[in-house]
Amino acid sequence: MKFSKFATRQQAGAQLARELTRRRYERPLVLALPRGGVPVAAEVARALKAPLDLLMVRKIGVPWQRELAAAAVVDGEQHDLVYNDEVMAAGQLRPADLEPQIAEALAEIERRRALYLEDRKPLSIEGRTAIVVDDGIATGTTVKAALKALKRRRPLKLVLAVPVAPASSIAELRPHVDELICLLQPEPFGAIGYFYDDFHQVPDDEVIRLLAEAGTASSGS
C-alpha cells in the first residue's frame, strides 16, 4: 500500500471496496458494525451493489466484573448467544447467571435497530456471501463473537473486511472466516483513530441516513 493513513472513513471504505470488487462475490450482503463501521460499509455496499444491514453485538460481562466478557449477544434474524467458555468455567458461571444482562442487551439491540432501521427486519445471510465491515479492529474480541454467531447461520461464504487492524488480531481472527481483507496491519498498533485524519464519533443521524440511502439503492437485491 502507498498510504499509511486514511483521510476519512468514507475514503477507507472506497479503498476497501476496490479490493472487494475484484473478487466478484456471489450474492454479497454487507454487515456493518455500528456506528463507526457504517460509513465504511456504505461505500463497500455501493460498490458491490449489495444490501447493507447492521450487525450489533453487546458484551455480557461477568456479574461482579462487567468489563470481563463472559458472553456476547449478536443481532440477527434470531439473536445468538456466544459464550466465552474459559471465563464461564473460571467464574463457575451458569447461563442463568447472565440472564438479567442478556435481557438488557436484547432490549438495547431492539432499541438501536428501531432507531436506525425503523421497522426493517434483519436480513438473512443464509446462502449469501456475508461481508462483515468495521472501521478498524483493536483486540478483535467483539468481532470474534460476531463471526462465531454468523457461522451458525449458514452463509455461502463469510468475509471480514476492515481498513486497519494489528497483525496479531488478524492472525487470531483469520481461522474464523473464509476470507479476510485488511488494508493496513501496523505493528505497533496503538489505537484505530491514529490511522485516520478524521475519526469523529459517527452521530446517529449519519447512520440513519446512510442506511436509508443503502436500502433505497439495493431494494430488490
Foldseek 3Di string as FASTA:
>chain_A
DPDQFAAALLRLLLVLLVVVVVVPFDQEEEEEEPDQFLSSRLSNCVSNLHAYYYKYKDFQADPVGRVHGQWIWIDALDIDIGGPVVVCVVVVHDPVNRVVVVVVRVVVVVVLCCLQPNPDHGDQQAAHEYEYTHQEDEQCPRVQNSLVVNVVRHHPFYEYEYAEYAPVNCVVCVVSGPYYYYNYHDPPDPDSCVRYSDDDRDDSVNSNVSNVVSCVSNPPD
